[in-house]
Each structure stands twice: as structure tokens, then as C-alpha cells.
Amino acid sequence: MAYMALIMLLAGGDQWLKHRIEAQDPESFPKPLEGSRDRIWIYQNHNPGFPFGFMKRHEELVRLIPLVLTSILGGCLIEKEKTKGKYMDKLSLALVIGGSLSNLYDRYVRGYVVDYFSLRFGPLKKVVFNLGDIFIFLGSGLQAVRFPAAIKEIGKKE
């Protein structure tokens, strides 16, 4: 149950920020975030596709694929909730699902995902993303770190 609450907190927080961004005049963007020493810039970007606008002309697929994948991950989390332990697995799933739900909401309600900040150093200068994207990235990273241990567990069961 705690992981479900975390999912709602993550998705809700990202949606709150997106709402704040959308409520502002588009002409006021981009702009540096106060106190960030120009390291973080705030944008009001609308992305109708996957990252970097990939498949933006295939609206139905862009909505359907994340819906199916998020549903599968939700089922995995519900199944994992029945077992003790596996905290890293549950946390990684909650992060990915929370980020994905926020972006799914955008896709179905707004017709595009709101991306609103960029880290102004290195190759990240050209990338604008949102907290949902960060949650998906972090959850995927945790699962990647966990992957070798999961393979060992599978080997022990056989």
C-alpha cells in the first residue's frame, strides 16, 4: 500500500508542477530558474510523441503503448506486494509507474506531455524533460542495478 501512495505522490507532484507551468504565459519561457546560477532553465514545451518527438504523428500508438506497459508494470507491482522483501524491485516499479502515470494523464487529457526543465550543462542542454521522466529514468536505473541479482535468484529457483 505504501508503494501505491508513493505512486500517487510522484504523479501528483509532477502534475502540480505541470499545471503551474501551463498556467503561465508561454511568452515568458524559457527562463533560468531563480537560484540555480543558470544551471536549470524552465520551459513550457508540449511533446505530442515519445522522447524527442519520436512517433508524434502516431497519436494512438503514443497513447496505447505506454498504457499497456504501465498496466503490465502495475500488475507486476501488485504481485510483488504479496511477497515480503524485494524493496528495491517495488521501489523501482513505483518510480516508473508514478512517472508514467503523470505522462499518461498528459497524453490522454492534454494531447501532449508537458516538459518543463533542462539542465544547462553538457549534452543535457538540448534536452527538456519533466519530473515524470526523471522518475522513469531513476526507476529503470534501479532495476538495471538490481538485474544481476534477479538473474541469480532465477537460477537458484531452477
Protein backbone atom coordinates (compact mmCIF):
# COMPACT_ATOMS: atom_id res chain seq x y z
CA MET A 1 0.00 0.00 0.00
CA ALA A 2 2.91 2.36 0.71
CA TYR A 3 4.09 1.97 -2.88
CA MET A 4 0.66 2.92 -4.22
CA ALA A 5 0.79 6.06 -2.07
CA LEU A 6 4.28 6.81 -3.42
CA ILE A 7 3.00 6.44 -6.99
CA MET A 8 0.18 8.92 -6.32
CA LEU A 9 2.58 11.35 -4.63
CA LEU A 10 5.04 11.22 -7.55
CA ALA A 11 2.39 11.54 -10.26
CA GLY A 12 0.52 14.22 -8.31
CA GLY A 13 3.65 16.27 -7.68
CA ASP A 14 4.62 16.19 -11.34
CA GLN A 15 1.07 17.14 -12.36
CA TRP A 16 1.08 20.04 -9.90
CA LEU A 17 4.28 21.39 -11.46
CA LYS A 18 2.90 20.91 -14.98
CA HIS A 19 -0.25 22.79 -14.00
CA ARG A 20 1.85 25.67 -12.64
CA ILE A 21 3.88 25.80 -15.88
CA GLU A 22 0.80 25.65 -18.10
CA ALA A 23 -0.85 28.49 -16.17
CA GLN A 24 1.95 30.89 -17.15
CA ASP A 25 2.27 32.99 -20.29
CA PRO A 26 4.10 30.95 -22.96
CA GLU A 27 5.98 34.08 -23.97
CA SER A 28 7.78 34.11 -20.60
CA PHE A 29 9.69 30.91 -21.46
CA PRO A 30 12.43 29.78 -21.50
CA LYS A 31 13.92 31.35 -18.39
CA PRO A 32 16.52 30.42 -15.79
CA LEU A 33 15.26 29.00 -12.50
CA GLU A 34 15.92 31.51 -9.72
CA GLY A 35 18.82 30.48 -7.51
CA SER A 36 20.16 27.86 -9.94
CA ARG A 37 23.02 30.02 -11.26
CA ASP A 38 21.71 29.45 -14.79
CA ARG A 39 22.20 25.67 -14.39
CA ILE A 40 18.47 24.90 -14.64
CA TRP A 41 16.16 26.52 -17.17
CA ILE A 42 12.37 26.39 -17.13
CA TYR A 43 10.45 25.76 -20.35
CA GLN A 44 6.87 25.25 -21.45
CA ASN A 45 7.26 22.54 -24.08
CA HIS A 46 4.48 20.37 -25.45
CA ASN A 47 5.60 16.97 -26.72
CA PRO A 48 2.93 15.02 -28.64
CA GLY A 49 5.21 12.00 -29.10
CA PHE A 50 7.70 9.91 -27.25
CA PRO A 51 11.03 11.46 -26.15
CA PHE A 52 12.43 13.93 -28.69
CA GLY A 53 9.08 13.90 -30.52
CA PHE A 54 9.58 10.35 -31.80
CA MET A 55 6.36 8.98 -33.37
CA LYS A 56 4.48 12.24 -32.79
CA ARG A 57 2.38 11.55 -35.89
CA HIS A 58 1.13 8.25 -34.43
CA GLU A 59 -1.07 9.60 -31.65
CA GLU A 60 -2.93 6.35 -30.94
CA LEU A 61 0.27 4.31 -30.59
CA VAL A 62 1.89 7.01 -28.46
CA ARG A 63 -1.06 6.70 -26.08
CA LEU A 64 -1.60 2.94 -26.27
CA ILE A 65 1.97 1.65 -25.84
CA PRO A 66 2.64 3.44 -22.51
CA LEU A 67 -0.84 2.48 -21.27
CA VAL A 68 -0.16 -1.21 -21.92
CA LEU A 69 3.36 -1.11 -20.44
CA THR A 70 2.22 0.81 -17.35
CA SER A 71 -0.62 -1.68 -16.85
CA ILE A 72 1.83 -4.58 -17.03
CA LEU A 73 4.16 -2.88 -14.52
CA GLY A 74 1.19 -2.19 -12.25
CA GLY A 75 0.32 -5.88 -12.33
CA CYS A 76 3.94 -6.74 -11.50
CA LEU A 77 3.88 -4.39 -8.52
CA ILE A 78 0.59 -5.82 -7.24
CA GLU A 79 2.09 -9.31 -7.49
CA LYS A 80 5.32 -8.24 -5.74
CA GLU A 81 3.30 -6.60 -2.95
CA LYS A 82 2.20 -10.11 -1.95
CA THR A 83 5.77 -11.05 -1.03
CA LYS A 84 7.97 -9.79 1.78
CA GLY A 85 11.18 -8.02 0.92
CA LYS A 86 12.07 -7.09 -2.67
CA TYR A 87 12.03 -3.45 -1.61
CA MET A 88 14.32 -2.31 -4.43
CA ASP A 89 12.10 -4.03 -7.01
CA LYS A 90 8.97 -2.46 -5.55
CA LEU A 91 10.55 0.98 -5.33
CA SER A 92 11.83 0.84 -8.90
CA LEU A 93 8.39 -0.20 -10.16
CA ALA A 94 6.70 2.56 -8.14
CA LEU A 95 9.05 5.18 -9.58
CA VAL A 96 8.46 4.08 -13.17
CA ILE A 97 4.70 3.78 -12.70
CA GLY A 98 4.43 7.18 -10.96
CA GLY A 99 6.31 8.92 -13.77
CA SER A 100 4.44 7.03 -16.43
CA LEU A 101 1.01 7.79 -14.96
CA SER A 102 1.77 11.50 -14.94
CA ASN A 103 2.81 11.42 -18.58
CA LEU A 104 -0.17 9.19 -19.47
CA TYR A 105 -2.51 11.71 -17.90
CA ASP A 106 -0.99 14.40 -20.11
CA ARG A 107 -1.32 12.27 -23.24
CA TYR A 108 -4.97 11.45 -22.64
CA VAL A 109 -6.17 14.77 -21.20
CA ARG A 110 -3.94 17.39 -22.82
CA GLY A 111 -2.98 15.52 -26.00
CA TYR A 112 0.72 16.15 -25.30
CA VAL A 113 3.22 15.75 -22.48
CA VAL A 114 4.33 18.93 -20.73
CA ASP A 115 8.12 19.12 -20.43
CA TYR A 116 9.39 21.95 -18.31
CA PHE A 117 13.04 21.93 -17.32
CA SER A 118 16.52 21.50 -18.70
CA LEU A 119 19.87 21.06 -17.01
CA ARG A 120 22.21 23.55 -18.65
CA PHE A 121 25.44 21.58 -18.87
CA GLY A 122 26.97 19.08 -21.25
CA PRO A 123 24.73 17.28 -23.70
CA LEU A 124 21.70 17.85 -21.45
CA LYS A 125 21.47 21.50 -22.57
CA LYS A 126 19.29 20.47 -25.50
CA VAL A 127 17.00 18.11 -23.56
CA VAL A 128 13.81 19.36 -21.89
CA PHE A 129 12.03 16.93 -19.60
CA ASN A 130 9.75 16.69 -16.56
CA LEU A 131 9.85 15.01 -13.16
CA GLY A 132 7.87 12.05 -14.53
CA ASP A 133 10.72 11.42 -16.96
CA ILE A 134 13.22 11.58 -14.08
CA PHE A 135 11.17 9.08 -12.05
CA ILE A 136 11.05 6.70 -15.03
CA PHE A 137 14.80 7.06 -15.53
CA LEU A 138 15.59 6.51 -11.83
CA GLY A 139 13.27 3.51 -11.54
CA SER A 140 14.74 1.96 -14.67
CA GLY A 141 18.25 2.59 -13.34
CA LEU A 142 17.42 0.91 -10.03
CA GLN A 143 16.03 -2.07 -11.88
CA ALA A 144 19.14 -2.25 -14.07
CA VAL A 145 21.35 -2.28 -10.96
CA ARG A 146 19.12 -4.97 -9.49
CA PHE A 147 19.11 -7.08 -12.70
CA PRO A 148 22.20 -9.26 -11.99
CA ALA A 149 20.82 -10.23 -8.57
CA ALA A 150 17.44 -11.06 -10.12
CA ILE A 151 19.12 -13.37 -12.64
CA LYS A 152 20.92 -15.17 -9.80
CA GLU A 153 17.59 -15.62 -7.96
CA ILE A 154 16.03 -17.16 -11.05
CA GLY A 155 18.96 -19.56 -11.35
CA LYS A 156 18.54 -20.68 -7.72
CA LYS A 157 14.85 -21.46 -8.23
CA GLU A 158 15.54 -23.87 -11.09
